[in-house]
Amino acid sequence: MSKHVLVFKGSPRQFGNSSTLADRAADGAKSCGAEVEIFNLHNLDIHPCDACDICQETGICVLKDDMQPLYEKLRQAEAILIASPIYWFTVSAQTKLFIDRWYALESPQGSALNGKLFGILLTYGDSDPFTSGAINAIRTFQDMVQYLKGNVAGIVYGTAMEVGDVQKQPELMERAYKLGQKLGTGR
């Protein structure tokens, strides 16, 4: 039985470094027979949560935007991969906006993301995960997945400032591929 893996790219650059790593991870998942869907968050019309809390009563977000079809996909997927560049010491705005809308998946009916397998890919322009702010994003993801009662399959991160830098790092590309395989097999 093949796993259903969702890949969300949080970069405004279609061929940016985190997007390239996401594609490599998707290849890894596909190599294991997983069904993979890839979404470029920058190209989607996702509105910010307006804190109406209706979703907490009904389990349904009232905002009509590109997040609506993603809710059902998130509910059905076994594994979720999020790839983001580090901007201003944390994930990109596109990534944060998308994750903030997961609030609608937490309702009195339960959490739709409990037990999911998560993978994280991060790139940054600094040489250090602490001074770049990547550590902030890593900690956010760890806390978020723990809250969701999910499992982290892996977190792959590295220095990559200029477009194409990750392709010059075979070890980083291989780590992304192996993360994809973990997501694709559920192990």
N, C-alpha and C. Protein backbone atom coordinates (compact mmCIF):
# COMPACT_ATOMS: atom_id res chain seq x y z
N MET A 1 0.85 -1.18 0.00
CA MET A 1 0.00 0.00 0.00
C MET A 1 0.89 1.24 0.00
N SER A 2 0.70 2.12 -0.97
CA SER A 2 1.55 3.30 -1.08
C SER A 2 1.08 4.39 -0.12
N LYS A 3 2.04 5.14 0.36
CA LYS A 3 1.76 6.27 1.25
C LYS A 3 1.40 7.49 0.42
N HIS A 4 0.63 8.37 1.02
CA HIS A 4 0.26 9.63 0.38
C HIS A 4 1.07 10.73 1.07
N VAL A 5 1.97 11.35 0.31
CA VAL A 5 2.87 12.37 0.84
C VAL A 5 2.56 13.71 0.20
N LEU A 6 2.37 14.72 1.04
CA LEU A 6 2.17 16.09 0.55
C LEU A 6 3.45 16.87 0.76
N VAL A 7 3.85 17.62 -0.26
CA VAL A 7 5.06 18.45 -0.21
C VAL A 7 4.63 19.90 -0.39
N PHE A 8 4.99 20.74 0.58
CA PHE A 8 4.65 22.16 0.52
C PHE A 8 5.94 22.98 0.47
N LYS A 9 6.07 23.73 -0.63
CA LYS A 9 7.24 24.58 -0.83
C LYS A 9 6.89 26.00 -0.39
N GLY A 10 7.64 26.52 0.57
CA GLY A 10 7.35 27.84 1.11
C GLY A 10 8.21 28.96 0.58
N SER A 11 8.90 28.72 -0.52
CA SER A 11 9.78 29.75 -1.08
C SER A 11 9.06 30.55 -2.16
N PRO A 12 9.34 31.85 -2.24
CA PRO A 12 8.81 32.62 -3.36
C PRO A 12 9.56 32.30 -4.66
N ARG A 13 10.72 31.66 -4.56
CA ARG A 13 11.49 31.27 -5.74
C ARG A 13 11.12 29.85 -6.15
N GLN A 14 10.58 29.72 -7.35
CA GLN A 14 10.16 28.41 -7.83
C GLN A 14 11.32 27.42 -7.87
N PHE A 15 12.52 27.92 -8.22
CA PHE A 15 13.68 27.04 -8.32
C PHE A 15 14.72 27.39 -7.25
N GLY A 16 14.25 27.89 -6.12
CA GLY A 16 15.14 28.22 -5.01
C GLY A 16 15.69 26.96 -4.36
N ASN A 17 16.58 27.16 -3.42
CA ASN A 17 17.27 26.04 -2.78
C ASN A 17 16.35 25.13 -1.98
N SER A 18 15.46 25.70 -1.18
CA SER A 18 14.55 24.84 -0.41
C SER A 18 13.60 24.11 -1.36
N SER A 19 13.20 24.75 -2.44
CA SER A 19 12.34 24.09 -3.44
C SER A 19 13.08 22.94 -4.12
N THR A 20 14.35 23.13 -4.40
CA THR A 20 15.16 22.07 -5.01
C THR A 20 15.28 20.88 -4.06
N LEU A 21 15.51 21.16 -2.79
CA LEU A 21 15.56 20.08 -1.81
C LEU A 21 14.21 19.36 -1.71
N ALA A 22 13.13 20.12 -1.78
CA ALA A 22 11.79 19.52 -1.73
C ALA A 22 11.57 18.58 -2.90
N ASP A 23 12.01 18.99 -4.08
CA ASP A 23 11.88 18.13 -5.26
C ASP A 23 12.70 16.85 -5.09
N ARG A 24 13.87 17.00 -4.49
CA ARG A 24 14.74 15.82 -4.26
C ARG A 24 14.07 14.87 -3.25
N ALA A 25 13.49 15.43 -2.21
CA ALA A 25 12.78 14.60 -1.22
C ALA A 25 11.58 13.92 -1.88
N ALA A 26 10.88 14.65 -2.73
CA ALA A 26 9.73 14.05 -3.44
C ALA A 26 10.19 12.88 -4.30
N ASP A 27 11.35 13.01 -4.94
CA ASP A 27 11.90 11.90 -5.72
C ASP A 27 12.16 10.69 -4.82
N GLY A 28 12.67 10.95 -3.61
CA GLY A 28 12.92 9.86 -2.66
C GLY A 28 11.63 9.16 -2.28
N ALA A 29 10.59 9.93 -2.02
CA ALA A 29 9.29 9.33 -1.66
C ALA A 29 8.72 8.52 -2.83
N LYS A 30 8.83 9.07 -4.02
CA LYS A 30 8.32 8.38 -5.21
C LYS A 30 9.08 7.08 -5.46
N SER A 31 10.38 7.07 -5.13
CA SER A 31 11.20 5.86 -5.35
C SER A 31 10.71 4.69 -4.50
N CYS A 32 9.96 4.99 -3.46
CA CYS A 32 9.41 3.95 -2.58
C CYS A 32 7.96 3.62 -2.93
N GLY A 33 7.47 4.20 -4.02
CA GLY A 33 6.11 3.92 -4.45
C GLY A 33 5.06 4.85 -3.87
N ALA A 34 5.47 5.90 -3.17
CA ALA A 34 4.51 6.82 -2.56
C ALA A 34 3.84 7.68 -3.62
N GLU A 35 2.60 8.04 -3.33
CA GLU A 35 1.88 9.02 -4.14
C GLU A 35 2.26 10.39 -3.58
N VAL A 36 2.80 11.27 -4.41
CA VAL A 36 3.32 12.56 -3.96
C VAL A 36 2.59 13.70 -4.68
N GLU A 37 2.15 14.67 -3.89
CA GLU A 37 1.58 15.90 -4.45
C GLU A 37 2.42 17.06 -3.95
N ILE A 38 2.75 17.97 -4.87
CA ILE A 38 3.61 19.11 -4.54
C ILE A 38 2.83 20.40 -4.73
N PHE A 39 2.96 21.31 -3.75
CA PHE A 39 2.28 22.60 -3.79
C PHE A 39 3.27 23.72 -3.55
N ASN A 40 3.21 24.74 -4.40
CA ASN A 40 4.01 25.94 -4.22
C ASN A 40 3.14 26.96 -3.48
N LEU A 41 3.41 27.17 -2.21
CA LEU A 41 2.58 28.05 -1.40
C LEU A 41 2.55 29.48 -1.93
N HIS A 42 3.64 29.92 -2.54
CA HIS A 42 3.72 31.29 -3.05
C HIS A 42 2.67 31.54 -4.15
N ASN A 43 2.29 30.50 -4.85
CA ASN A 43 1.33 30.64 -5.95
C ASN A 43 -0.13 30.47 -5.51
N LEU A 44 -0.33 30.20 -4.24
CA LEU A 44 -1.69 30.00 -3.74
C LEU A 44 -2.21 31.24 -3.04
N ASP A 45 -3.51 31.42 -3.12
CA ASP A 45 -4.17 32.54 -2.45
C ASP A 45 -4.66 32.05 -1.08
N ILE A 46 -3.79 32.19 -0.09
CA ILE A 46 -4.13 31.76 1.26
C ILE A 46 -4.20 33.00 2.14
N HIS A 47 -5.37 33.23 2.69
CA HIS A 47 -5.59 34.41 3.54
C HIS A 47 -5.13 34.12 4.97
N PRO A 48 -4.80 35.15 5.71
CA PRO A 48 -4.48 34.93 7.13
C PRO A 48 -5.73 34.56 7.91
N CYS A 49 -5.54 33.79 8.95
CA CYS A 49 -6.63 33.46 9.86
C CYS A 49 -7.19 34.75 10.43
N ASP A 50 -8.53 34.87 10.50
CA ASP A 50 -9.11 36.10 11.05
C ASP A 50 -9.59 35.92 12.50
N ALA A 51 -9.21 34.78 13.11
CA ALA A 51 -9.47 34.52 14.52
C ALA A 51 -10.96 34.57 14.89
N CYS A 52 -11.80 34.17 13.97
CA CYS A 52 -13.24 34.17 14.26
C CYS A 52 -13.63 33.00 15.18
N ASP A 53 -12.82 31.95 15.19
CA ASP A 53 -13.01 30.75 16.01
C ASP A 53 -14.22 29.91 15.62
N ILE A 54 -14.84 30.19 14.50
CA ILE A 54 -15.96 29.36 14.05
C ILE A 54 -15.49 27.92 13.81
N CYS A 55 -14.26 27.77 13.30
CA CYS A 55 -13.74 26.43 13.05
C CYS A 55 -13.64 25.61 14.33
N GLN A 56 -13.48 26.27 15.45
CA GLN A 56 -13.37 25.55 16.71
C GLN A 56 -14.72 25.00 17.18
N GLU A 57 -15.79 25.55 16.63
CA GLU A 57 -17.13 25.05 16.92
C GLU A 57 -17.59 24.03 15.89
N THR A 58 -17.24 24.30 14.62
CA THR A 58 -17.77 23.49 13.52
C THR A 58 -16.76 22.53 12.89
N GLY A 59 -15.46 22.80 13.11
CA GLY A 59 -14.43 22.01 12.45
C GLY A 59 -14.19 22.43 11.01
N ILE A 60 -14.79 23.55 10.60
CA ILE A 60 -14.67 24.02 9.21
C ILE A 60 -14.28 25.49 9.21
N CYS A 61 -13.25 25.80 8.43
CA CYS A 61 -12.82 27.21 8.27
C CYS A 61 -13.79 27.90 7.31
N VAL A 62 -14.17 29.12 7.66
CA VAL A 62 -15.13 29.87 6.84
C VAL A 62 -14.47 30.68 5.73
N LEU A 63 -13.15 30.84 5.76
CA LEU A 63 -12.47 31.62 4.74
C LEU A 63 -12.46 30.85 3.42
N LYS A 64 -12.87 31.50 2.37
CA LYS A 64 -12.95 30.86 1.06
C LYS A 64 -11.72 31.28 0.25
N ASP A 65 -10.74 30.39 0.22
CA ASP A 65 -9.50 30.66 -0.51
C ASP A 65 -8.88 29.32 -0.90
N ASP A 66 -7.63 29.34 -1.30
CA ASP A 66 -6.97 28.12 -1.76
C ASP A 66 -6.65 27.14 -0.64
N MET A 67 -6.90 27.50 0.58
CA MET A 67 -6.68 26.59 1.69
C MET A 67 -7.76 25.52 1.76
N GLN A 68 -8.95 25.85 1.28
CA GLN A 68 -10.08 24.92 1.39
C GLN A 68 -9.77 23.53 0.82
N PRO A 69 -9.29 23.41 -0.43
CA PRO A 69 -9.00 22.06 -0.93
C PRO A 69 -7.81 21.39 -0.22
N LEU A 70 -6.94 22.20 0.38
CA LEU A 70 -5.79 21.63 1.08
C LEU A 70 -6.20 20.97 2.40
N TYR A 71 -7.26 21.45 3.01
CA TYR A 71 -7.70 20.84 4.27
C TYR A 71 -7.98 19.35 4.11
N GLU A 72 -8.71 18.99 3.08
CA GLU A 72 -9.03 17.58 2.88
C GLU A 72 -7.78 16.78 2.55
N LYS A 73 -6.89 17.36 1.79
CA LYS A 73 -5.63 16.68 1.46
C LYS A 73 -4.80 16.46 2.72
N LEU A 74 -4.74 17.46 3.59
CA LEU A 74 -4.00 17.32 4.85
C LEU A 74 -4.61 16.24 5.73
N ARG A 75 -5.93 16.16 5.73
CA ARG A 75 -6.61 15.12 6.53
C ARG A 75 -6.26 13.72 6.03
N GLN A 76 -6.17 13.57 4.71
CA GLN A 76 -6.00 12.25 4.12
C GLN A 76 -4.54 11.78 4.03
N ALA A 77 -3.60 12.71 3.99
CA ALA A 77 -2.19 12.35 3.81
C ALA A 77 -1.64 11.62 5.03
N GLU A 78 -0.71 10.73 4.77
CA GLU A 78 0.00 10.06 5.87
C GLU A 78 1.24 10.83 6.26
N ALA A 79 1.82 11.56 5.29
CA ALA A 79 3.07 12.27 5.55
C ALA A 79 3.02 13.67 4.93
N ILE A 80 3.65 14.62 5.62
CA ILE A 80 3.66 16.01 5.19
C ILE A 80 5.09 16.52 5.24
N LEU A 81 5.55 17.07 4.14
CA LEU A 81 6.88 17.67 4.06
C LEU A 81 6.73 19.17 3.85
N ILE A 82 7.43 19.93 4.67
CA ILE A 82 7.42 21.38 4.53
C ILE A 82 8.84 21.84 4.25
N ALA A 83 9.01 22.60 3.18
CA ALA A 83 10.31 23.14 2.80
C ALA A 83 10.22 24.66 2.82
N SER A 84 11.18 25.30 3.49
CA SER A 84 11.16 26.76 3.57
C SER A 84 12.57 27.32 3.64
N PRO A 85 12.77 28.45 2.99
CA PRO A 85 13.99 29.19 3.27
C PRO A 85 13.83 29.90 4.62
N ILE A 86 14.92 30.24 5.23
CA ILE A 86 14.87 31.03 6.45
C ILE A 86 14.93 32.50 6.05
N TYR A 87 13.90 33.23 6.42
CA TYR A 87 13.81 34.67 6.18
C TYR A 87 13.63 35.36 7.52
N TRP A 88 14.46 36.28 7.82
CA TRP A 88 14.37 37.03 9.06
C TRP A 88 14.22 36.11 10.27
N PHE A 89 15.09 35.13 10.32
CA PHE A 89 15.29 34.27 11.49
C PHE A 89 14.19 33.25 11.75
N THR A 90 13.38 32.96 10.75
CA THR A 90 12.38 31.90 10.87
C THR A 90 11.90 31.51 9.47
N VAL A 91 10.82 30.75 9.39
CA VAL A 91 10.30 30.31 8.10
C VAL A 91 9.78 31.50 7.30
N SER A 92 9.59 31.28 6.01
CA SER A 92 9.05 32.33 5.14
C SER A 92 7.61 32.67 5.53
N ALA A 93 7.17 33.83 5.11
CA ALA A 93 5.80 34.27 5.39
C ALA A 93 4.79 33.30 4.78
N GLN A 94 5.09 32.79 3.60
CA GLN A 94 4.19 31.86 2.93
C GLN A 94 4.00 30.60 3.78
N THR A 95 5.09 30.12 4.33
CA THR A 95 5.04 28.91 5.16
C THR A 95 4.27 29.18 6.45
N LYS A 96 4.57 30.28 7.10
CA LYS A 96 3.91 30.61 8.37
C LYS A 96 2.41 30.80 8.18
N LEU A 97 2.02 31.49 7.13
CA LEU A 97 0.61 31.72 6.84
C LEU A 97 -0.12 30.38 6.65
N PHE A 98 0.48 29.49 5.90
CA PHE A 98 -0.09 28.16 5.66
C PHE A 98 -0.25 27.40 6.98
N ILE A 99 0.77 27.38 7.78
CA ILE A 99 0.72 26.64 9.05
C ILE A 99 -0.29 27.27 10.01
N ASP A 100 -0.37 28.58 10.04
CA ASP A 100 -1.35 29.24 10.92
C ASP A 100 -2.77 28.79 10.61
N ARG A 101 -3.04 28.50 9.36
CA ARG A 101 -4.39 28.07 8.98
C ARG A 101 -4.68 26.63 9.38
N TRP A 102 -3.70 25.91 9.88
CA TRP A 102 -3.95 24.57 10.41
C TRP A 102 -4.82 24.62 11.66
N TYR A 103 -4.97 25.79 12.22
CA TYR A 103 -5.82 25.97 13.40
C TYR A 103 -7.19 25.35 13.18
N ALA A 104 -7.69 25.45 11.96
CA ALA A 104 -9.01 24.90 11.64
C ALA A 104 -9.04 23.36 11.69
N LEU A 105 -7.87 22.75 11.69
CA LEU A 105 -7.80 21.30 11.77
C LEU A 105 -7.79 20.81 13.22
N GLU A 106 -7.76 21.76 14.15
CA GLU A 106 -7.82 21.47 15.58
C GLU A 106 -9.20 21.91 16.06
N SER A 107 -10.06 20.97 16.36
CA SER A 107 -11.41 21.33 16.77
C SER A 107 -11.89 20.37 17.86
N PRO A 108 -13.05 20.64 18.42
CA PRO A 108 -13.59 19.71 19.43
C PRO A 108 -13.75 18.29 18.90
N GLN A 109 -13.83 18.15 17.59
CA GLN A 109 -13.94 16.82 16.99
C GLN A 109 -12.59 16.09 16.99
N GLY A 110 -11.52 16.78 17.38
CA GLY A 110 -10.18 16.19 17.41
C GLY A 110 -9.26 16.86 16.42
N SER A 111 -8.02 16.45 16.45
CA SER A 111 -7.02 17.00 15.54
C SER A 111 -6.88 16.11 14.32
N ALA A 112 -7.00 16.73 13.16
CA ALA A 112 -6.87 15.99 11.90
C ALA A 112 -5.42 15.65 11.59
N LEU A 113 -4.48 16.23 12.33
CA LEU A 113 -3.06 16.00 12.04
C LEU A 113 -2.38 15.08 13.04
N ASN A 114 -3.11 14.62 14.05
CA ASN A 114 -2.53 13.69 15.02
C ASN A 114 -2.00 12.45 14.31
N GLY A 115 -0.81 12.05 14.70
CA GLY A 115 -0.24 10.82 14.17
C GLY A 115 0.40 10.92 12.81
N LYS A 116 0.36 12.08 12.18
CA LYS A 116 0.97 12.24 10.85
C LYS A 116 2.49 12.21 10.99
N LEU A 117 3.16 11.86 9.90
CA LEU A 117 4.60 11.88 9.81
C LEU A 117 5.02 13.17 9.11
N PHE A 118 5.97 13.88 9.70
CA PHE A 118 6.39 15.17 9.17
C PHE A 118 7.87 15.18 8.81
N GLY A 119 8.17 15.87 7.73
CA GLY A 119 9.55 16.12 7.34
C GLY A 119 9.72 17.61 7.14
N ILE A 120 10.91 18.12 7.49
CA ILE A 120 11.19 19.55 7.40
C ILE A 120 12.48 19.74 6.61
N LEU A 121 12.46 20.68 5.66
CA LEU A 121 13.64 21.06 4.89
C LEU A 121 13.83 22.56 5.03
N LEU A 122 15.03 22.99 5.41
CA LEU A 122 15.30 24.42 5.60
C LEU A 122 16.63 24.79 4.95
N THR A 123 16.66 25.95 4.32
CA THR A 123 17.91 26.50 3.80
C THR A 123 18.06 27.93 4.30
N TYR A 124 19.30 28.34 4.44
CA TYR A 124 19.57 29.68 4.97
C TYR A 124 20.89 30.20 4.41
N GLY A 125 21.05 31.52 4.45
CA GLY A 125 22.22 32.16 3.87
C GLY A 125 23.42 32.21 4.78
N ASP A 126 23.26 31.98 6.04
CA ASP A 126 24.37 32.01 6.99
C ASP A 126 25.04 30.64 7.01
N SER A 127 26.15 30.54 7.69
CA SER A 127 26.84 29.26 7.79
C SER A 127 26.46 28.50 9.06
N ASP A 128 25.59 29.08 9.87
CA ASP A 128 25.29 28.50 11.17
C ASP A 128 23.78 28.50 11.41
N PRO A 129 23.21 27.38 11.88
CA PRO A 129 21.77 27.34 12.12
C PRO A 129 21.32 28.27 13.26
N PHE A 130 22.22 28.62 14.17
CA PHE A 130 21.85 29.50 15.27
C PHE A 130 21.82 30.96 14.83
N THR A 131 22.89 31.44 14.20
CA THR A 131 22.93 32.85 13.81
C THR A 131 22.00 33.14 12.63
N SER A 132 21.67 32.12 11.84
CA SER A 132 20.77 32.32 10.70
C SER A 132 19.31 32.41 11.14
N GLY A 133 19.01 31.83 12.29
CA GLY A 133 17.63 31.76 12.74
C GLY A 133 16.98 30.42 12.43
N ALA A 134 17.69 29.55 11.73
CA ALA A 134 17.12 28.24 11.42
C ALA A 134 16.72 27.50 12.68
N ILE A 135 17.46 27.70 13.74
CA ILE A 135 17.16 27.02 15.00
C ILE A 135 15.78 27.42 15.51
N ASN A 136 15.36 28.66 15.24
CA ASN A 136 14.02 29.09 15.62
C ASN A 136 12.96 28.29 14.87
N ALA A 137 13.18 28.11 13.59
CA ALA A 137 12.23 27.34 12.78
C ALA A 137 12.22 25.87 13.20
N ILE A 138 13.40 25.33 13.44
CA ILE A 138 13.50 23.93 13.88
C ILE A 138 12.73 23.73 15.17
N ARG A 139 12.94 24.63 16.12
CA ARG A 139 12.25 24.51 17.40
C ARG A 139 10.74 24.65 17.24
N THR A 140 10.31 25.57 16.38
CA THR A 140 8.88 25.74 16.12
C THR A 140 8.29 24.45 15.58
N PHE A 141 8.95 23.84 14.59
CA PHE A 141 8.44 22.60 14.02
C PHE A 141 8.42 21.47 15.04
N GLN A 142 9.47 21.36 15.83
CA GLN A 142 9.51 20.31 16.85
C GLN A 142 8.35 20.47 17.84
N ASP A 143 8.16 21.69 18.31
CA ASP A 143 7.06 21.95 19.26
C ASP A 143 5.70 21.71 18.62
N MET A 144 5.55 22.15 17.38
CA MET A 144 4.28 22.00 16.67
C MET A 144 3.93 20.52 16.49
N VAL A 145 4.90 19.73 16.03
CA VAL A 145 4.65 18.32 15.77
C VAL A 145 4.38 17.59 17.09
N GLN A 146 5.08 17.96 18.14
CA GLN A 146 4.82 17.35 19.45
C GLN A 146 3.40 17.67 19.90
N TYR A 147 2.98 18.92 19.73
CA TYR A 147 1.61 19.31 20.10
C TYR A 147 0.58 18.52 19.30
N LEU A 148 0.86 18.30 18.02
CA LEU A 148 -0.05 17.57 17.14
C LEU A 148 -0.04 16.07 17.39
N LYS A 149 0.87 15.63 18.24
CA LYS A 149 1.06 14.20 18.49
C LYS A 149 1.44 13.49 17.19
N GLY A 150 2.26 14.20 16.40
CA GLY A 150 2.79 13.62 15.17
C GLY A 150 4.19 13.10 15.41
N ASN A 151 4.84 12.72 14.34
CA ASN A 151 6.19 12.19 14.41
C ASN A 151 7.07 12.91 13.39
N VAL A 152 8.26 13.29 13.81
CA VAL A 152 9.21 13.93 12.91
C VAL A 152 10.07 12.84 12.27
N ALA A 153 9.95 12.68 10.96
CA ALA A 153 10.77 11.71 10.23
C ALA A 153 12.19 12.23 10.11
N GLY A 154 12.34 13.55 10.03
CA GLY A 154 13.66 14.14 9.92
C GLY A 154 13.59 15.61 9.61
N ILE A 155 14.67 16.29 9.94
CA ILE A 155 14.83 17.71 9.64
C ILE A 155 16.16 17.86 8.92
N VAL A 156 16.10 18.31 7.68
CA VAL A 156 17.29 18.50 6.87
C VAL A 156 17.47 20.00 6.66
N TYR A 157 18.66 20.49 6.95
CA TYR A 157 18.91 21.93 6.79
C TYR A 157 20.35 22.16 6.39
N GLY A 158 20.56 23.30 5.73
CA GLY A 158 21.92 23.63 5.32
C GLY A 158 22.03 25.01 4.72
N THR A 159 23.27 25.44 4.62
CA THR A 159 23.60 26.74 4.05
C THR A 159 23.43 26.71 2.54
N ALA A 160 22.71 27.67 2.01
CA ALA A 160 22.49 27.78 0.57
C ALA A 160 21.93 29.16 0.28
N MET A 161 22.76 30.07 -0.12
CA MET A 161 22.32 31.44 -0.33
C MET A 161 21.89 31.70 -1.79
N GLU A 162 22.78 31.39 -2.71
CA GLU A 162 22.51 31.66 -4.12
C GLU A 162 21.72 30.51 -4.74
N VAL A 163 20.84 30.83 -5.68
CA VAL A 163 20.08 29.79 -6.38
C VAL A 163 21.05 28.76 -6.94
N GLY A 164 20.79 27.51 -6.67
CA GLY A 164 21.63 26.42 -7.15
C GLY A 164 22.68 25.94 -6.16
N ASP A 165 22.82 26.63 -5.03
CA ASP A 165 23.85 26.24 -4.05
C ASP A 165 23.65 24.82 -3.52
N VAL A 166 22.40 24.39 -3.34
CA VAL A 166 22.18 23.04 -2.80
C VAL A 166 22.64 21.96 -3.78
N GLN A 167 22.58 22.26 -5.06
CA GLN A 167 22.99 21.27 -6.05
C GLN A 167 24.50 21.04 -6.02
N LYS A 168 25.23 21.93 -5.40
CA LYS A 168 26.69 21.80 -5.25
C LYS A 168 27.03 21.04 -3.97
N GLN A 169 26.01 20.57 -3.27
CA GLN A 169 26.20 19.87 -2.00
C GLN A 169 25.55 18.49 -2.07
N PRO A 170 26.25 17.52 -2.63
CA PRO A 170 25.65 16.19 -2.81
C PRO A 170 25.18 15.55 -1.50
N GLU A 171 25.87 15.80 -0.40
CA GLU A 171 25.46 15.22 0.87
C GLU A 171 24.10 15.77 1.32
N LEU A 172 23.90 17.08 1.15
CA LEU A 172 22.64 17.71 1.51
C LEU A 172 21.50 17.19 0.62
N MET A 173 21.78 17.06 -0.67
CA MET A 173 20.78 16.53 -1.60
C MET A 173 20.43 15.08 -1.24
N GLU A 174 21.42 14.30 -0.84
CA GLU A 174 21.18 12.91 -0.46
C GLU A 174 20.37 12.82 0.83
N ARG A 175 20.65 13.70 1.77
CA ARG A 175 19.86 13.72 3.02
C ARG A 175 18.40 14.04 2.73
N ALA A 176 18.15 14.96 1.79
CA ALA A 176 16.78 15.29 1.41
C ALA A 176 16.10 14.08 0.76
N TYR A 177 16.84 13.38 -0.10
CA TYR A 177 16.31 12.19 -0.78
C TYR A 177 15.93 11.12 0.25
N LYS A 178 16.81 10.90 1.21
CA LYS A 178 16.55 9.88 2.23
C LYS A 178 15.38 10.27 3.13
N LEU A 179 15.24 11.57 3.40
CA LEU A 179 14.07 12.02 4.15
C LEU A 179 12.80 11.69 3.37
N GLY A 180 12.81 11.93 2.08
CA GLY A 180 11.68 11.57 1.24
C GLY A 180 11.37 10.08 1.30
N GLN A 181 12.40 9.26 1.31
CA GLN A 181 12.18 7.82 1.42
C GLN A 181 11.52 7.46 2.76
N LYS A 182 11.96 8.10 3.83
CA LYS A 182 11.34 7.85 5.13
C LYS A 182 9.86 8.22 5.10
N LEU A 183 9.56 9.35 4.49
CA LEU A 183 8.16 9.78 4.40
C LEU A 183 7.36 8.82 3.52
N GLY A 184 7.98 8.37 2.46
CA GLY A 184 7.31 7.47 1.52
C GLY A 184 7.03 6.09 2.05
N THR A 185 7.85 5.65 2.99
CA THR A 185 7.67 4.31 3.57
C THR A 185 7.00 4.35 4.94
N GLY A 186 6.99 5.53 5.56
CA GLY A 186 6.40 5.66 6.89
C GLY A 186 7.35 5.19 7.99
N ARG A 187 8.63 5.03 7.66
CA ARG A 187 9.62 4.58 8.66
C ARG A 187 10.74 5.57 8.80
